[in-house]
Amino acid sequence: MSRIGKQPISIPSGVDVSVKDSVVVFKKGNTTKELDTKGHVCIKVEDGKLVFASKSDERQDRAYWGTYRALANNVIIGLTSGFEKKLEINGVGYKAAVKGKVLELNLGFSHVINYQLPEGIEASVDKNVITIKGVDKQVVGQVAAQVRGFRPPEPYKGKGVKYAEERIIRKAGKTAKK
């Protein structure tokens, strides 16, 4: 029995939820998100709550039960408060700037990296901290991972782009012979 799947999701005011066949449609203002469950779970809207149930007792259907409930919860959180990731830039001369929908990064290479932000993602830069915000949790995490991938932190001096909560394990450098 799925501990996550059996918990109902309360639908906040301002968010409209409708179920068409196996697709759940979430709407807030002019933003619409769809979650296609591909017929693996039963979905009902009861008393302002979204309830998921397993289609059958098969192992795969029980696995999808908790997964789709968690994905639906992430959509509701994204529509109401949104998601954000913070990245820190460490290094002499390393800097970032946002110009429209382009994140411009100077990370010690001979060229400037211009990263085109996907639709629905906003970025802001405050000194050496890049904040990435959006409605979709997966896209926010993917953009943060791609920006970090341009110059991951190195273990000797810690230079590079890292997540704000990430701890870099430092290595000792070379020592001279005695």
N, C-alpha and C. Protein backbone atom coordinates (compact mmCIF):
# COMPACT_ATOMS: atom_id res chain seq x y z
N MET A 1 0.83 -1.18 0.00
CA MET A 1 0.00 0.00 0.00
C MET A 1 0.88 1.24 0.00
N SER A 2 0.59 2.17 -0.88
CA SER A 2 1.40 3.38 -1.01
C SER A 2 1.07 4.37 0.09
N ARG A 3 2.06 4.74 0.88
CA ARG A 3 1.84 5.72 1.94
C ARG A 3 1.62 7.11 1.36
N ILE A 4 2.32 7.41 0.28
CA ILE A 4 2.17 8.71 -0.37
C ILE A 4 0.87 8.74 -1.16
N GLY A 5 0.60 7.69 -1.92
CA GLY A 5 -0.55 7.65 -2.82
C GLY A 5 -1.89 7.77 -2.15
N LYS A 6 -2.00 7.25 -0.93
CA LYS A 6 -3.32 7.27 -0.27
C LYS A 6 -3.64 8.59 0.39
N GLN A 7 -2.68 9.52 0.45
CA GLN A 7 -2.95 10.83 1.04
C GLN A 7 -3.64 11.72 0.01
N PRO A 8 -4.79 12.29 0.34
CA PRO A 8 -5.46 13.19 -0.61
C PRO A 8 -4.74 14.53 -0.69
N ILE A 9 -4.85 15.17 -1.84
CA ILE A 9 -4.23 16.48 -2.05
C ILE A 9 -5.34 17.53 -1.93
N SER A 10 -5.18 18.47 -1.01
CA SER A 10 -6.18 19.53 -0.90
C SER A 10 -5.94 20.54 -2.01
N ILE A 11 -7.02 20.94 -2.67
CA ILE A 11 -6.93 21.87 -3.78
C ILE A 11 -7.13 23.29 -3.24
N PRO A 12 -6.11 24.15 -3.36
CA PRO A 12 -6.24 25.51 -2.83
C PRO A 12 -7.20 26.34 -3.67
N SER A 13 -7.71 27.41 -3.07
CA SER A 13 -8.62 28.28 -3.81
C SER A 13 -7.86 28.98 -4.92
N GLY A 14 -8.51 29.14 -6.04
CA GLY A 14 -7.88 29.76 -7.20
C GLY A 14 -7.34 28.75 -8.19
N VAL A 15 -7.20 27.50 -7.78
CA VAL A 15 -6.73 26.44 -8.67
C VAL A 15 -7.91 25.57 -9.05
N ASP A 16 -8.17 25.44 -10.35
CA ASP A 16 -9.24 24.59 -10.84
C ASP A 16 -8.65 23.28 -11.32
N VAL A 17 -9.24 22.16 -10.88
CA VAL A 17 -8.77 20.84 -11.27
C VAL A 17 -9.90 20.11 -11.95
N SER A 18 -9.63 19.55 -13.13
CA SER A 18 -10.62 18.74 -13.81
C SER A 18 -9.95 17.48 -14.35
N VAL A 19 -10.73 16.41 -14.43
CA VAL A 19 -10.21 15.12 -14.89
C VAL A 19 -10.92 14.74 -16.17
N LYS A 20 -10.14 14.51 -17.23
CA LYS A 20 -10.68 14.04 -18.51
C LYS A 20 -10.00 12.73 -18.84
N ASP A 21 -10.74 11.64 -18.81
CA ASP A 21 -10.18 10.29 -19.02
C ASP A 21 -9.03 10.07 -18.04
N SER A 22 -7.80 9.99 -18.52
CA SER A 22 -6.66 9.76 -17.64
C SER A 22 -5.77 11.00 -17.53
N VAL A 23 -6.27 12.16 -17.95
CA VAL A 23 -5.50 13.41 -17.90
C VAL A 23 -6.10 14.34 -16.85
N VAL A 24 -5.23 14.83 -15.96
CA VAL A 24 -5.66 15.79 -14.95
C VAL A 24 -5.21 17.17 -15.43
N VAL A 25 -6.16 18.12 -15.48
CA VAL A 25 -5.86 19.46 -15.95
C VAL A 25 -5.94 20.42 -14.76
N PHE A 26 -4.83 21.14 -14.52
CA PHE A 26 -4.74 22.12 -13.44
C PHE A 26 -4.73 23.50 -14.09
N LYS A 27 -5.53 24.42 -13.53
CA LYS A 27 -5.62 25.75 -14.12
C LYS A 27 -5.63 26.79 -13.01
N LYS A 28 -4.76 27.79 -13.17
CA LYS A 28 -4.76 28.94 -12.27
C LYS A 28 -4.51 30.17 -13.12
N GLY A 29 -5.49 31.04 -13.18
CA GLY A 29 -5.37 32.23 -14.02
C GLY A 29 -5.27 31.82 -15.47
N ASN A 30 -4.22 32.26 -16.15
CA ASN A 30 -4.05 31.87 -17.54
C ASN A 30 -2.99 30.78 -17.70
N THR A 31 -2.53 30.20 -16.59
CA THR A 31 -1.55 29.11 -16.63
C THR A 31 -2.28 27.77 -16.53
N THR A 32 -1.99 26.90 -17.48
CA THR A 32 -2.61 25.57 -17.49
C THR A 32 -1.52 24.51 -17.53
N LYS A 33 -1.65 23.51 -16.66
CA LYS A 33 -0.72 22.38 -16.64
C LYS A 33 -1.53 21.09 -16.77
N GLU A 34 -1.01 20.14 -17.51
CA GLU A 34 -1.67 18.85 -17.67
C GLU A 34 -0.76 17.75 -17.14
N LEU A 35 -1.37 16.74 -16.51
CA LEU A 35 -0.66 15.57 -16.04
C LEU A 35 -1.34 14.35 -16.62
N ASP A 36 -0.66 13.67 -17.53
CA ASP A 36 -1.20 12.48 -18.18
C ASP A 36 -0.77 11.25 -17.38
N THR A 37 -1.74 10.53 -16.80
CA THR A 37 -1.42 9.36 -16.00
C THR A 37 -1.39 8.08 -16.85
N LYS A 38 -1.70 8.20 -18.11
CA LYS A 38 -1.67 7.07 -19.06
C LYS A 38 -2.52 5.88 -18.59
N GLY A 39 -3.55 6.17 -17.81
CA GLY A 39 -4.48 5.13 -17.39
C GLY A 39 -3.97 4.21 -16.31
N HIS A 40 -2.91 4.58 -15.61
CA HIS A 40 -2.34 3.70 -14.58
C HIS A 40 -3.01 3.86 -13.21
N VAL A 41 -3.70 4.98 -12.98
CA VAL A 41 -4.34 5.22 -11.68
C VAL A 41 -5.75 5.75 -11.87
N CYS A 42 -6.58 5.61 -10.84
CA CYS A 42 -7.93 6.18 -10.82
C CYS A 42 -7.85 7.53 -10.10
N ILE A 43 -8.49 8.54 -10.68
CA ILE A 43 -8.43 9.88 -10.12
C ILE A 43 -9.85 10.39 -9.89
N LYS A 44 -10.07 11.01 -8.72
CA LYS A 44 -11.37 11.59 -8.41
C LYS A 44 -11.16 12.92 -7.71
N VAL A 45 -12.07 13.87 -7.96
CA VAL A 45 -12.09 15.13 -7.24
C VAL A 45 -13.29 15.08 -6.31
N GLU A 46 -13.01 15.05 -4.99
CA GLU A 46 -14.08 14.94 -3.98
C GLU A 46 -13.88 15.99 -2.90
N ASP A 47 -14.89 16.81 -2.64
CA ASP A 47 -14.89 17.77 -1.53
C ASP A 47 -13.65 18.66 -1.51
N GLY A 48 -13.24 19.17 -2.65
CA GLY A 48 -12.08 20.04 -2.71
C GLY A 48 -10.76 19.32 -2.52
N LYS A 49 -10.77 18.02 -2.71
CA LYS A 49 -9.54 17.23 -2.58
C LYS A 49 -9.38 16.35 -3.81
N LEU A 50 -8.15 16.12 -4.20
CA LEU A 50 -7.81 15.25 -5.32
C LEU A 50 -7.37 13.92 -4.73
N VAL A 51 -8.08 12.84 -5.10
CA VAL A 51 -7.83 11.52 -4.52
C VAL A 51 -7.35 10.57 -5.61
N PHE A 52 -6.26 9.87 -5.33
CA PHE A 52 -5.72 8.88 -6.25
C PHE A 52 -5.94 7.49 -5.68
N ALA A 53 -6.16 6.51 -6.58
CA ALA A 53 -6.31 5.12 -6.17
C ALA A 53 -5.62 4.24 -7.21
N SER A 54 -5.14 3.10 -6.76
CA SER A 54 -4.46 2.17 -7.65
C SER A 54 -5.48 1.52 -8.58
N LYS A 55 -5.13 1.37 -9.85
CA LYS A 55 -6.02 0.76 -10.84
C LYS A 55 -6.21 -0.72 -10.55
N SER A 56 -5.12 -1.40 -10.22
CA SER A 56 -5.17 -2.82 -9.89
C SER A 56 -4.16 -3.11 -8.79
N ASP A 57 -4.02 -4.37 -8.44
CA ASP A 57 -3.10 -4.73 -7.37
C ASP A 57 -1.75 -5.16 -7.92
N GLU A 58 -1.51 -4.91 -9.21
CA GLU A 58 -0.23 -5.26 -9.81
C GLU A 58 0.87 -4.35 -9.28
N ARG A 59 2.07 -4.86 -9.25
CA ARG A 59 3.22 -4.13 -8.70
C ARG A 59 3.44 -2.80 -9.43
N GLN A 60 3.37 -2.80 -10.75
CA GLN A 60 3.63 -1.58 -11.53
C GLN A 60 2.56 -0.51 -11.27
N ASP A 61 1.29 -0.91 -11.18
CA ASP A 61 0.22 0.05 -10.92
C ASP A 61 0.34 0.65 -9.52
N ARG A 62 0.77 -0.15 -8.56
CA ARG A 62 0.97 0.37 -7.21
C ARG A 62 2.13 1.36 -7.17
N ALA A 63 3.15 1.13 -8.00
CA ALA A 63 4.27 2.06 -8.07
C ALA A 63 3.84 3.39 -8.69
N TYR A 64 3.02 3.33 -9.72
CA TYR A 64 2.53 4.55 -10.36
C TYR A 64 1.62 5.36 -9.45
N TRP A 65 0.93 4.69 -8.54
CA TRP A 65 -0.02 5.34 -7.64
C TRP A 65 0.65 6.48 -6.86
N GLY A 66 1.73 6.19 -6.18
CA GLY A 66 2.43 7.21 -5.40
C GLY A 66 3.14 8.22 -6.29
N THR A 67 3.65 7.75 -7.43
CA THR A 67 4.38 8.64 -8.34
C THR A 67 3.48 9.73 -8.90
N TYR A 68 2.32 9.34 -9.41
CA TYR A 68 1.43 10.33 -10.00
C TYR A 68 0.82 11.26 -8.94
N ARG A 69 0.63 10.76 -7.74
CA ARG A 69 0.13 11.61 -6.65
C ARG A 69 1.18 12.68 -6.34
N ALA A 70 2.47 12.29 -6.28
CA ALA A 70 3.55 13.24 -6.00
C ALA A 70 3.69 14.25 -7.14
N LEU A 71 3.56 13.80 -8.39
CA LEU A 71 3.65 14.72 -9.53
C LEU A 71 2.51 15.73 -9.51
N ALA A 72 1.30 15.28 -9.16
CA ALA A 72 0.15 16.18 -9.08
C ALA A 72 0.35 17.20 -7.96
N ASN A 73 0.90 16.76 -6.84
CA ASN A 73 1.17 17.66 -5.73
C ASN A 73 2.19 18.72 -6.13
N ASN A 74 3.22 18.31 -6.90
CA ASN A 74 4.22 19.27 -7.37
C ASN A 74 3.62 20.30 -8.31
N VAL A 75 2.67 19.89 -9.14
CA VAL A 75 2.01 20.84 -10.04
C VAL A 75 1.24 21.88 -9.23
N ILE A 76 0.52 21.44 -8.20
CA ILE A 76 -0.27 22.36 -7.38
C ILE A 76 0.66 23.32 -6.61
N ILE A 77 1.75 22.81 -6.06
CA ILE A 77 2.71 23.68 -5.36
C ILE A 77 3.31 24.68 -6.33
N GLY A 78 3.64 24.21 -7.54
CA GLY A 78 4.22 25.09 -8.55
C GLY A 78 3.28 26.21 -8.96
N LEU A 79 1.99 25.90 -9.09
CA LEU A 79 1.02 26.92 -9.48
C LEU A 79 0.76 27.92 -8.36
N THR A 80 0.82 27.48 -7.12
CA THR A 80 0.52 28.38 -6.01
C THR A 80 1.74 29.19 -5.56
N SER A 81 2.87 28.53 -5.30
CA SER A 81 4.03 29.27 -4.79
C SER A 81 5.25 29.21 -5.71
N GLY A 82 5.35 28.23 -6.57
CA GLY A 82 6.48 28.11 -7.49
C GLY A 82 7.68 27.43 -6.85
N PHE A 83 8.67 27.16 -7.67
CA PHE A 83 9.89 26.51 -7.21
C PHE A 83 11.08 27.40 -7.53
N GLU A 84 12.13 27.27 -6.73
CA GLU A 84 13.33 28.05 -7.01
C GLU A 84 14.58 27.28 -6.58
N LYS A 85 15.65 27.51 -7.30
CA LYS A 85 16.96 26.95 -6.98
C LYS A 85 17.96 28.10 -6.96
N LYS A 86 18.88 28.05 -6.02
CA LYS A 86 19.91 29.08 -5.92
C LYS A 86 21.26 28.45 -6.23
N LEU A 87 22.03 29.15 -7.06
CA LEU A 87 23.38 28.72 -7.42
C LEU A 87 24.36 29.80 -7.01
N GLU A 88 25.53 29.40 -6.51
CA GLU A 88 26.57 30.35 -6.13
C GLU A 88 27.72 30.24 -7.11
N ILE A 89 28.29 31.39 -7.47
CA ILE A 89 29.46 31.43 -8.34
C ILE A 89 30.66 31.81 -7.49
N ASN A 90 31.68 30.95 -7.48
CA ASN A 90 32.90 31.21 -6.73
C ASN A 90 34.08 31.22 -7.70
N GLY A 91 34.90 32.24 -7.64
CA GLY A 91 36.08 32.32 -8.48
C GLY A 91 36.38 33.76 -8.85
N VAL A 92 37.64 34.07 -9.01
CA VAL A 92 38.05 35.43 -9.35
C VAL A 92 37.63 35.73 -10.79
N GLY A 93 36.87 36.80 -10.97
CA GLY A 93 36.43 37.20 -12.30
C GLY A 93 35.22 36.45 -12.81
N TYR A 94 34.70 35.50 -12.05
CA TYR A 94 33.50 34.77 -12.48
C TYR A 94 32.28 35.64 -12.19
N LYS A 95 31.42 35.80 -13.16
CA LYS A 95 30.23 36.62 -12.94
C LYS A 95 29.11 36.19 -13.86
N ALA A 96 27.90 36.66 -13.54
CA ALA A 96 26.72 36.33 -14.33
C ALA A 96 25.85 37.57 -14.45
N ALA A 97 25.05 37.60 -15.53
CA ALA A 97 24.09 38.68 -15.74
C ALA A 97 22.92 38.14 -16.55
N VAL A 98 21.75 38.72 -16.34
CA VAL A 98 20.56 38.33 -17.09
C VAL A 98 20.23 39.46 -18.05
N LYS A 99 20.12 39.11 -19.33
CA LYS A 99 19.75 40.08 -20.36
C LYS A 99 18.55 39.53 -21.11
N GLY A 100 17.37 39.97 -20.68
CA GLY A 100 16.14 39.45 -21.28
C GLY A 100 15.92 38.00 -20.88
N LYS A 101 15.87 37.11 -21.87
CA LYS A 101 15.69 35.68 -21.61
C LYS A 101 17.00 34.91 -21.77
N VAL A 102 18.13 35.62 -21.65
CA VAL A 102 19.45 35.02 -21.80
C VAL A 102 20.25 35.22 -20.51
N LEU A 103 20.81 34.12 -20.01
CA LEU A 103 21.70 34.17 -18.85
C LEU A 103 23.13 34.20 -19.39
N GLU A 104 23.84 35.29 -19.12
CA GLU A 104 25.19 35.48 -19.62
C GLU A 104 26.18 35.15 -18.52
N LEU A 105 27.06 34.18 -18.76
CA LEU A 105 27.99 33.69 -17.74
C LEU A 105 29.44 33.88 -18.18
N ASN A 106 30.25 34.50 -17.32
CA ASN A 106 31.70 34.58 -17.51
C ASN A 106 32.31 33.65 -16.47
N LEU A 107 32.80 32.49 -16.90
CA LEU A 107 33.28 31.48 -15.96
C LEU A 107 34.73 31.09 -16.20
N GLY A 108 35.53 32.04 -16.63
CA GLY A 108 36.96 31.78 -16.79
C GLY A 108 37.34 31.18 -18.13
N PHE A 109 36.41 31.03 -19.03
CA PHE A 109 36.73 30.55 -20.36
C PHE A 109 37.12 31.73 -21.24
N SER A 110 37.59 31.46 -22.44
CA SER A 110 37.97 32.54 -23.36
C SER A 110 36.75 33.19 -23.99
N HIS A 111 35.58 32.63 -23.75
CA HIS A 111 34.35 33.15 -24.34
C HIS A 111 33.26 33.26 -23.27
N VAL A 112 32.27 34.05 -23.57
CA VAL A 112 31.11 34.22 -22.69
C VAL A 112 30.10 33.13 -23.04
N ILE A 113 29.49 32.53 -22.01
CA ILE A 113 28.45 31.51 -22.24
C ILE A 113 27.11 32.20 -22.18
N ASN A 114 26.34 32.13 -23.27
CA ASN A 114 24.98 32.68 -23.33
C ASN A 114 24.01 31.52 -23.26
N TYR A 115 23.30 31.40 -22.14
CA TYR A 115 22.35 30.30 -21.95
C TYR A 115 20.93 30.84 -22.14
N GLN A 116 20.23 30.33 -23.14
CA GLN A 116 18.85 30.72 -23.42
C GLN A 116 17.92 30.05 -22.40
N LEU A 117 17.21 30.84 -21.62
CA LEU A 117 16.30 30.29 -20.60
C LEU A 117 15.05 29.73 -21.28
N PRO A 118 14.59 28.54 -20.86
CA PRO A 118 13.38 27.96 -21.43
C PRO A 118 12.14 28.78 -21.07
N GLU A 119 11.05 28.49 -21.76
CA GLU A 119 9.77 29.17 -21.52
C GLU A 119 9.30 28.87 -20.10
N GLY A 120 8.87 29.90 -19.38
CA GLY A 120 8.34 29.73 -18.03
C GLY A 120 9.39 29.78 -16.94
N ILE A 121 10.65 30.02 -17.29
CA ILE A 121 11.72 30.08 -16.30
C ILE A 121 12.24 31.52 -16.22
N GLU A 122 12.42 32.00 -14.98
CA GLU A 122 12.97 33.32 -14.76
C GLU A 122 14.27 33.17 -13.97
N ALA A 123 15.23 34.00 -14.29
CA ALA A 123 16.50 34.00 -13.55
C ALA A 123 16.81 35.42 -13.10
N SER A 124 17.44 35.50 -11.93
CA SER A 124 17.90 36.80 -11.43
C SER A 124 19.27 36.59 -10.80
N VAL A 125 20.08 37.64 -10.85
CA VAL A 125 21.44 37.56 -10.32
C VAL A 125 21.62 38.65 -9.28
N ASP A 126 22.12 38.25 -8.10
CA ASP A 126 22.44 39.20 -7.04
C ASP A 126 23.87 38.92 -6.59
N LYS A 127 24.79 39.77 -7.00
CA LYS A 127 26.24 39.60 -6.76
C LYS A 127 26.68 38.26 -7.34
N ASN A 128 26.95 37.26 -6.49
CA ASN A 128 27.43 35.98 -7.00
C ASN A 128 26.39 34.86 -6.85
N VAL A 129 25.12 35.20 -6.66
CA VAL A 129 24.06 34.20 -6.49
C VAL A 129 23.07 34.31 -7.64
N ILE A 130 22.87 33.17 -8.33
CA ILE A 130 21.89 33.09 -9.41
C ILE A 130 20.65 32.41 -8.84
N THR A 131 19.49 33.03 -8.99
CA THR A 131 18.23 32.43 -8.54
C THR A 131 17.41 32.07 -9.76
N ILE A 132 17.04 30.79 -9.85
CA ILE A 132 16.23 30.29 -10.96
C ILE A 132 14.86 29.96 -10.42
N LYS A 133 13.80 30.56 -11.01
CA LYS A 133 12.43 30.36 -10.54
C LYS A 133 11.56 29.87 -11.67
N GLY A 134 10.53 29.08 -11.31
CA GLY A 134 9.59 28.61 -12.30
C GLY A 134 8.45 27.84 -11.67
N VAL A 135 7.50 27.43 -12.52
CA VAL A 135 6.32 26.70 -12.08
C VAL A 135 6.57 25.20 -12.06
N ASP A 136 7.37 24.71 -13.00
CA ASP A 136 7.61 23.28 -13.16
C ASP A 136 8.89 22.87 -12.42
N LYS A 137 8.74 21.99 -11.43
CA LYS A 137 9.86 21.57 -10.60
C LYS A 137 10.96 20.89 -11.41
N GLN A 138 10.57 20.05 -12.36
CA GLN A 138 11.54 19.33 -13.17
C GLN A 138 12.36 20.28 -14.03
N VAL A 139 11.72 21.26 -14.65
CA VAL A 139 12.42 22.20 -15.53
C VAL A 139 13.35 23.10 -14.73
N VAL A 140 12.93 23.55 -13.56
CA VAL A 140 13.77 24.39 -12.70
C VAL A 140 15.03 23.62 -12.31
N GLY A 141 14.88 22.37 -11.90
CA GLY A 141 16.03 21.55 -11.53
C GLY A 141 16.95 21.28 -12.71
N GLN A 142 16.36 21.06 -13.90
CA GLN A 142 17.15 20.78 -15.09
C GLN A 142 17.97 22.00 -15.51
N VAL A 143 17.36 23.18 -15.47
CA VAL A 143 18.08 24.41 -15.82
C VAL A 143 19.22 24.65 -14.83
N ALA A 144 18.96 24.46 -13.53
CA ALA A 144 20.00 24.64 -12.52
C ALA A 144 21.15 23.66 -12.75
N ALA A 145 20.84 22.43 -13.10
CA ALA A 145 21.87 21.42 -13.34
C ALA A 145 22.69 21.76 -14.59
N GLN A 146 22.04 22.29 -15.63
CA GLN A 146 22.76 22.67 -16.84
C GLN A 146 23.68 23.86 -16.60
N VAL A 147 23.22 24.84 -15.83
CA VAL A 147 24.06 26.01 -15.52
C VAL A 147 25.24 25.57 -14.67
N ARG A 148 25.01 24.70 -13.70
CA ARG A 148 26.10 24.18 -12.86
C ARG A 148 27.09 23.38 -13.71
N GLY A 149 26.59 22.68 -14.72
CA GLY A 149 27.43 21.85 -15.57
C GLY A 149 28.41 22.62 -16.43
N PHE A 150 28.20 23.93 -16.63
CA PHE A 150 29.15 24.72 -17.41
C PHE A 150 30.51 24.80 -16.71
N ARG A 151 30.51 24.89 -15.39
CA ARG A 151 31.76 24.93 -14.63
C ARG A 151 31.48 24.37 -13.23
N PRO A 152 31.45 23.03 -13.08
CA PRO A 152 31.20 22.45 -11.76
C PRO A 152 32.33 22.82 -10.79
N PRO A 153 32.06 22.86 -9.50
CA PRO A 153 33.09 23.26 -8.54
C PRO A 153 34.23 22.24 -8.49
N GLU A 154 35.45 22.75 -8.41
CA GLU A 154 36.59 21.84 -8.34
C GLU A 154 37.00 21.68 -6.88
N PRO A 155 37.59 20.53 -6.51
CA PRO A 155 37.80 20.22 -5.09
C PRO A 155 38.99 20.90 -4.43
N TYR A 156 39.88 21.57 -5.18
CA TYR A 156 41.07 22.15 -4.57
C TYR A 156 40.85 23.56 -4.05
N LYS A 157 40.26 24.42 -4.85
CA LYS A 157 39.98 25.79 -4.41
C LYS A 157 38.50 26.08 -4.29
N GLY A 158 37.64 25.19 -4.81
CA GLY A 158 36.19 25.38 -4.74
C GLY A 158 35.66 26.33 -5.79
N LYS A 159 36.46 26.62 -6.82
CA LYS A 159 36.01 27.54 -7.87
C LYS A 159 34.99 26.84 -8.76
N GLY A 160 33.99 27.61 -9.22
CA GLY A 160 32.99 27.07 -10.11
C GLY A 160 31.58 27.47 -9.68
N VAL A 161 30.60 26.80 -10.27
CA VAL A 161 29.20 27.07 -9.95
C VAL A 161 28.68 25.91 -9.10
N LYS A 162 28.12 26.22 -7.95
CA LYS A 162 27.58 25.18 -7.06
C LYS A 162 26.21 25.58 -6.56
N TYR A 163 25.44 24.57 -6.11
CA TYR A 163 24.15 24.85 -5.48
C TYR A 163 24.43 25.57 -4.15
N ALA A 164 23.51 26.42 -3.73
CA ALA A 164 23.71 27.21 -2.51
C ALA A 164 23.88 26.32 -1.28
N GLU A 165 23.15 25.21 -1.23
CA GLU A 165 23.22 24.33 -0.06
C GLU A 165 24.28 23.24 -0.19
N GLU A 166 24.98 23.20 -1.32
CA GLU A 166 25.98 22.16 -1.58
C GLU A 166 27.26 22.44 -0.80
N ARG A 167 27.85 21.38 -0.26
CA ARG A 167 29.12 21.48 0.45
C ARG A 167 30.19 20.82 -0.39
N ILE A 168 31.24 21.53 -0.70
CA ILE A 168 32.33 21.00 -1.50
C ILE A 168 33.36 20.39 -0.57
N ILE A 169 33.67 19.11 -0.76
CA ILE A 169 34.70 18.45 0.04
C ILE A 169 36.05 18.82 -0.57
N ARG A 170 36.88 19.49 0.22
CA ARG A 170 38.15 19.99 -0.28
C ARG A 170 39.23 18.92 -0.17
N LYS A 171 40.16 18.97 -1.13
CA LYS A 171 41.30 18.07 -1.12
C LYS A 171 42.54 18.90 -0.78
N ALA A 172 43.53 18.23 -0.20
CA ALA A 172 44.81 18.90 0.06
C ALA A 172 45.59 18.93 -1.24
N GLY A 173 46.33 19.99 -1.43
CA GLY A 173 47.15 20.10 -2.64
C GLY A 173 48.42 19.28 -2.51
N LYS A 174 49.29 19.43 -3.49
CA LYS A 174 50.55 18.70 -3.44
C LYS A 174 51.42 19.24 -2.31
N THR A 175 52.21 18.36 -1.71
CA THR A 175 53.16 18.77 -0.67
C THR A 175 54.57 18.59 -1.19
N ALA A 176 55.49 19.41 -0.75
CA ALA A 176 56.88 19.35 -1.20
C ALA A 176 57.59 18.18 -0.56
N LYS A 177 58.62 17.64 -1.27
CA LYS A 177 59.41 16.54 -0.71
C LYS A 177 60.31 17.07 0.39
N LYS A 178 60.61 16.19 1.34
CA LYS A 178 61.49 16.59 2.45
C LYS A 178 62.89 16.16 2.19
